[in-house]
Amino acid sequence: MKYEPIVIEPARGWQVINWRELREYRDLFYFMIDRDIKVLYKQTVLGFGWAILRPLLSMVIFTIIFGNLAQVDSDGVPYAIFSYVALVPWLYFSTALSASALSLVSNTDMLTKVYFPRLIFPLTPVFSKLVDFVISFAIVFILMAWFRIAPTARVLYLPLLVGLMMLTAAGMGLWFAALSVQYRDVKHAIPFLTQILMYAAPVVWSASLIAERFGQSGRVLFGLYPMVGVIEGFRAALIGSGPMPWDTIGVGAASALVIFVSGLFYFRRMEVHFADVA
């Protein structure tokens, strides 16, 4: 019996996402997520303890500098838990974004030798980093008990905020992953970018400062940065720092969706060049 060879040719121009192909490679996707989780803390003494230590140390430093020395307003709640609740989604976002942005460059051997949907690379960290997120998130309830803050029914909104957090990380990760193959400057720029994004987000300060200085319209425009609604939503849902910021969450969700969809199409547009320049 004679078999015809299968020739895989790169698609050119603007392409739609082949969701069927992604579904066919779901086992590989699961394997890469599992590999990403295991490799992260391989041969470390503390292992997954780093998922707790990183936000806790950051909380202590921020509390000393911003809470005690700078006397930053914390919306009437202790600054320690005020900052920690913001650090949990932020650290997920920054680590997922960084890993996703450099995923193609870090897997050059697989990229140039084996064919499978390239979208798997930047999407893997978006899911694998959820393990650290869940571990660090559990400490929030210990801090709430310590500071005698009772949970409210608004915790039911957390899955929505987690989804928005993942969508933002995935969208920006797709953009930078595609750019990093062609422009290696991205690799050096990512650490500075994540630091700028952290101080631009209300991690160490409250978004109420924007409303005080620029009014409600300025606050809504600030919400175009999707992590603003996520962080303020986490605070409102967990520690009751204020009402749920549905205006910034809604604007942020629309912005995150635009970033994600445009990132998908740009990634597919540039995919034909990945093997050539990797």
Protein backbone atom coordinates (compact mmCIF):
# COMPACT_ATOMS: atom_id res chain seq x y z
CA MET A 1 0.00 0.00 0.00
CA LYS A 2 1.32 3.38 -0.96
CA TYR A 3 0.97 6.26 1.47
CA GLU A 4 0.85 9.85 0.40
CA PRO A 5 3.11 12.11 2.46
CA ILE A 6 1.46 14.79 4.58
CA VAL A 7 2.86 18.21 3.82
CA ILE A 8 2.38 20.93 6.41
CA GLU A 9 2.55 24.38 4.90
CA PRO A 10 2.39 27.67 6.80
CA ALA A 11 -0.77 29.67 6.38
CA ARG A 12 -0.27 33.23 5.24
CA GLY A 13 -2.16 36.41 5.91
CA TRP A 14 -4.72 36.94 8.64
CA GLN A 15 -6.00 33.58 9.89
CA VAL A 16 -8.83 32.56 12.17
CA ILE A 17 -8.03 30.40 15.19
CA ASN A 18 -8.24 26.68 14.49
CA TRP A 19 -9.98 25.60 17.70
CA ARG A 20 -10.45 22.06 16.40
CA GLU A 21 -6.69 21.66 16.00
CA LEU A 22 -6.12 22.95 19.52
CA ARG A 23 -8.61 20.42 20.85
CA GLU A 24 -6.81 17.60 19.05
CA TYR A 25 -3.56 18.58 20.78
CA ARG A 26 -5.09 18.97 24.24
CA ASP A 27 -3.02 16.07 25.65
CA LEU A 28 0.16 17.91 24.71
CA PHE A 29 -1.26 21.05 26.28
CA TYR A 30 -1.91 19.19 29.56
CA PHE A 31 1.58 17.69 29.43
CA MET A 32 3.24 21.09 28.99
CA ILE A 33 1.23 22.56 31.87
CA ASP A 34 2.28 19.65 34.07
CA ARG A 35 5.90 20.04 32.96
CA ASP A 36 5.82 23.77 33.66
CA ILE A 37 4.58 23.18 37.20
CA LYS A 38 7.15 20.50 38.01
CA VAL A 39 10.16 22.28 36.48
CA LEU A 40 9.46 25.57 38.29
CA TYR A 41 10.46 24.33 41.74
CA LYS A 42 12.63 21.36 40.79
CA GLN A 43 15.70 21.01 43.05
CA THR A 44 14.56 23.80 45.37
CA VAL A 45 14.55 23.45 49.15
CA LEU A 46 11.24 25.21 49.79
CA GLY A 47 9.46 23.98 46.67
CA PHE A 48 5.91 25.34 46.53
CA GLY A 49 6.68 27.27 49.70
CA TRP A 50 8.01 30.02 47.42
CA ALA A 51 4.43 30.62 46.31
CA ILE A 52 3.73 31.74 49.89
CA LEU A 53 7.07 33.35 50.67
CA ARG A 54 7.14 35.73 47.71
CA PRO A 55 3.86 37.55 48.44
CA LEU A 56 4.46 37.49 52.20
CA LEU A 57 7.91 39.10 51.90
CA SER A 58 6.54 41.66 49.46
CA MET A 59 3.70 42.38 51.91
CA VAL A 60 6.16 42.98 54.75
CA ILE A 61 8.32 45.31 52.63
CA PHE A 62 5.33 47.26 51.30
CA THR A 63 3.84 47.54 54.80
CA ILE A 64 7.05 49.00 56.20
CA ILE A 65 7.72 51.40 53.31
CA PHE A 66 4.27 52.42 52.13
CA GLY A 67 2.11 51.59 55.12
CA ASN A 68 4.31 52.89 57.96
CA LEU A 69 6.78 55.35 56.43
CA ALA A 70 4.76 56.83 53.55
CA GLN A 71 1.42 56.45 55.37
CA VAL A 72 -0.41 55.45 52.19
CA ASP A 73 -4.20 55.37 52.59
CA SER A 74 -5.51 51.79 52.78
CA ASP A 75 -9.26 52.46 52.67
CA GLY A 76 -9.68 51.91 56.42
CA VAL A 77 -8.27 48.37 56.56
CA PRO A 78 -4.84 47.26 57.88
CA TYR A 79 -2.23 47.96 55.22
CA ALA A 80 -0.73 44.46 55.47
CA ILE A 81 -3.85 42.68 54.24
CA PHE A 82 -4.68 45.63 51.95
CA SER A 83 -1.42 45.04 50.05
CA TYR A 84 -1.44 41.23 50.25
CA VAL A 85 -4.90 40.91 48.68
CA ALA A 86 -3.62 43.01 45.76
CA LEU A 87 -0.33 41.11 45.50
CA VAL A 88 -2.02 37.74 45.00
CA PRO A 89 -3.61 38.55 41.60
CA TRP A 90 -0.73 40.85 40.64
CA LEU A 91 2.00 38.22 41.15
CA TYR A 92 -0.02 35.75 39.10
CA PHE A 93 -0.42 38.30 36.31
CA SER A 94 3.24 39.37 36.26
CA THR A 95 4.68 35.83 36.36
CA ALA A 96 2.19 34.50 33.79
CA LEU A 97 2.83 37.47 31.50
CA SER A 98 6.63 37.15 31.74
CA ALA A 99 6.61 33.39 31.12
CA SER A 100 4.08 33.69 28.30
CA ALA A 101 6.01 36.51 26.61
CA LEU A 102 9.23 34.48 26.55
CA SER A 103 7.63 31.07 25.92
CA LEU A 104 8.55 30.88 22.22
CA VAL A 105 12.14 32.04 22.74
CA SER A 106 12.57 29.59 25.63
CA ASN A 107 11.37 26.62 23.54
CA THR A 108 13.27 27.24 20.32
CA ASP A 109 14.21 23.55 19.85
CA MET A 110 10.58 22.41 19.89
CA LEU A 111 9.49 25.41 17.84
CA THR A 112 11.82 24.65 14.94
CA LYS A 113 11.65 20.85 14.86
CA VAL A 114 8.15 19.67 15.75
CA TYR A 115 4.78 20.87 14.51
CA PHE A 116 1.86 21.51 16.82
CA PRO A 117 -0.31 24.58 17.43
CA ARG A 118 2.05 27.35 18.53
CA LEU A 119 -0.67 28.89 20.67
CA ILE A 120 0.06 26.17 23.22
CA PHE A 121 3.34 27.89 24.15
CA PRO A 122 2.02 31.25 25.43
CA LEU A 123 -1.18 29.76 26.87
CA THR A 124 0.64 27.18 29.02
CA PRO A 125 1.89 29.64 31.70
CA VAL A 126 -1.58 31.20 31.94
CA PHE A 127 -2.82 27.90 33.40
CA SER A 128 0.30 26.55 35.12
CA LYS A 129 0.75 29.71 37.21
CA LEU A 130 -2.69 29.12 38.72
CA VAL A 131 -1.07 26.62 41.11
CA ASP A 132 0.99 29.38 42.74
CA PHE A 133 -2.04 31.64 42.72
CA VAL A 134 -4.20 29.13 44.60
CA ILE A 135 -1.48 28.49 47.21
CA SER A 136 -0.85 32.18 47.88
CA PHE A 137 -4.59 32.91 47.80
CA ALA A 138 -5.20 30.49 50.68
CA ILE A 139 -3.11 32.73 52.96
CA VAL A 140 -5.65 35.53 52.45
CA PHE A 141 -8.15 33.72 54.70
CA ILE A 142 -5.51 33.26 57.40
CA LEU A 143 -4.83 37.00 57.33
CA MET A 144 -8.56 37.73 57.38
CA ALA A 145 -8.90 35.62 60.52
CA TRP A 146 -5.87 37.35 62.06
CA PHE A 147 -7.30 40.83 61.41
CA ARG A 148 -10.86 39.66 62.25
CA ILE A 149 -12.29 40.48 58.85
CA ALA A 150 -15.36 38.39 58.08
CA PRO A 151 -15.95 37.22 54.49
CA THR A 152 -19.05 38.50 52.72
CA ALA A 153 -21.28 37.18 49.94
CA ARG A 154 -19.19 39.18 47.46
CA VAL A 155 -16.60 36.39 47.43
CA LEU A 156 -18.95 34.74 44.92
CA TYR A 157 -17.69 37.28 42.36
CA LEU A 158 -14.11 36.00 42.63
CA PRO A 159 -14.37 33.48 39.74
CA LEU A 160 -15.33 36.37 37.45
CA LEU A 161 -12.28 38.35 38.60
CA VAL A 162 -9.99 35.34 38.18
CA GLY A 163 -11.29 34.87 34.63
CA LEU A 164 -10.59 38.53 33.84
CA MET A 165 -7.12 38.20 35.35
CA MET A 166 -6.34 35.17 33.16
CA LEU A 167 -7.78 36.82 30.05
CA THR A 168 -5.56 39.88 30.57
CA ALA A 169 -2.43 37.77 31.10
CA ALA A 170 -3.22 35.64 28.04
CA GLY A 171 -3.92 38.61 25.78
CA MET A 172 -0.79 40.55 26.67
CA GLY A 173 1.25 37.34 26.67
CA LEU A 174 0.18 36.58 23.09
CA TRP A 175 1.25 40.03 21.91
CA PHE A 176 4.66 39.92 23.55
CA ALA A 177 5.29 36.27 22.65
CA ALA A 178 4.85 37.09 18.96
CA LEU A 179 6.97 40.23 19.27
CA SER A 180 9.76 38.51 21.24
CA VAL A 181 10.61 36.13 18.38
CA GLN A 182 11.28 38.96 15.97
CA TYR A 183 12.52 41.56 18.44
CA ARG A 184 14.78 40.10 21.13
CA ASP A 185 14.65 43.45 22.95
CA VAL A 186 11.37 42.22 24.43
CA LYS A 187 13.30 39.75 26.59
CA HIS A 188 15.20 42.60 28.22
CA ALA A 189 12.21 44.93 28.38
CA ILE A 190 9.78 42.56 30.13
CA PRO A 191 11.26 42.95 33.67
CA PHE A 192 11.05 46.75 33.39
CA LEU A 193 7.59 46.58 31.86
CA THR A 194 6.17 44.41 34.65
CA GLN A 195 7.64 46.76 37.25
CA ILE A 196 6.05 49.77 35.55
CA LEU A 197 2.73 47.94 35.29
CA MET A 198 2.85 47.12 39.00
CA TYR A 199 3.23 50.74 40.10
CA ALA A 200 0.64 51.79 37.52
CA ALA A 201 -1.84 49.34 39.10
CA PRO A 202 -3.35 50.03 42.55
CA VAL A 203 -1.18 47.45 44.30
CA VAL A 204 0.52 49.65 46.90
CA TRP A 205 -2.08 52.41 46.78
CA SER A 206 -5.84 52.71 46.41
CA ALA A 207 -7.62 53.52 43.15
CA SER A 208 -9.74 55.98 45.12
CA LEU A 209 -6.82 58.42 44.73
CA ILE A 210 -7.57 58.61 41.01
CA ALA A 211 -11.18 59.56 41.66
CA GLU A 212 -10.10 62.23 44.15
CA ARG A 213 -7.73 63.87 41.67
CA PHE A 214 -9.33 63.25 38.28
CA GLY A 215 -12.96 62.60 39.12
CA GLN A 216 -15.14 59.62 38.30
CA SER A 217 -14.47 59.85 34.56
CA GLY A 218 -10.73 59.65 35.23
CA ARG A 219 -11.29 56.59 37.39
CA VAL A 220 -13.26 54.86 34.62
CA LEU A 221 -10.55 55.67 32.06
CA PHE A 222 -8.00 54.27 34.49
CA GLY A 223 -10.05 51.07 34.41
CA LEU A 224 -8.98 50.51 30.80
CA TYR A 225 -5.99 48.87 32.44
CA PRO A 226 -7.78 45.58 33.24
CA MET A 227 -5.79 44.79 36.38
CA VAL A 228 -7.27 47.88 38.06
CA GLY A 229 -10.73 46.30 38.18
CA VAL A 230 -9.28 42.93 39.15
CA ILE A 231 -7.27 44.26 42.11
CA GLU A 232 -9.96 46.61 43.38
CA GLY A 233 -12.52 43.83 42.90
CA PHE A 234 -10.43 41.42 44.99
CA ARG A 235 -10.22 44.00 47.78
CA ALA A 236 -13.94 44.74 47.70
CA ALA A 237 -14.90 41.06 47.60
CA LEU A 238 -12.52 39.86 50.30
CA ILE A 239 -11.88 42.65 52.79
CA GLY A 240 -14.77 45.03 52.07
CA SER A 241 -12.55 48.02 51.28
CA GLY A 242 -15.46 49.52 49.34
CA PRO A 243 -18.32 48.62 46.97
CA MET A 244 -17.65 46.33 44.03
CA PRO A 245 -16.08 48.51 41.30
CA TRP A 246 -18.35 47.33 38.51
CA ASP A 247 -17.50 50.37 36.37
CA THR A 248 -13.77 49.62 36.24
CA ILE A 249 -14.43 45.87 36.04
CA GLY A 250 -16.73 46.38 33.04
CA VAL A 251 -14.34 48.74 31.24
CA GLY A 252 -11.43 46.44 32.07
CA ALA A 253 -13.28 43.37 30.78
CA ALA A 254 -13.95 45.09 27.44
CA SER A 255 -10.32 46.21 27.24
CA ALA A 256 -9.01 42.73 28.13
CA LEU A 257 -11.25 41.14 25.49
CA VAL A 258 -9.92 43.52 22.81
CA ILE A 259 -6.32 42.80 23.87
CA PHE A 260 -6.94 39.05 23.83
CA VAL A 261 -8.72 38.86 20.46
CA SER A 262 -6.24 41.20 18.76
CA GLY A 263 -3.39 39.23 20.35
CA LEU A 264 -4.79 35.99 18.94
CA PHE A 265 -4.97 37.37 15.42
CA TYR A 266 -1.57 39.06 15.61
CA PHE A 267 -0.03 35.82 16.91
CA ARG A 268 -1.55 33.88 14.02
CA ARG A 269 -0.40 36.55 11.58
CA MET A 270 3.23 36.28 12.76
CA GLU A 271 3.20 32.49 13.23
CA VAL A 272 4.53 31.87 9.73
CA HIS A 273 7.81 33.58 10.68
CA PHE A 274 8.43 31.89 14.03
CA ALA A 275 10.57 28.98 12.81
CA ASP A 276 12.59 31.24 10.50
CA VAL A 277 13.69 33.77 13.09
CA ALA A 278 13.70 31.65 16.26
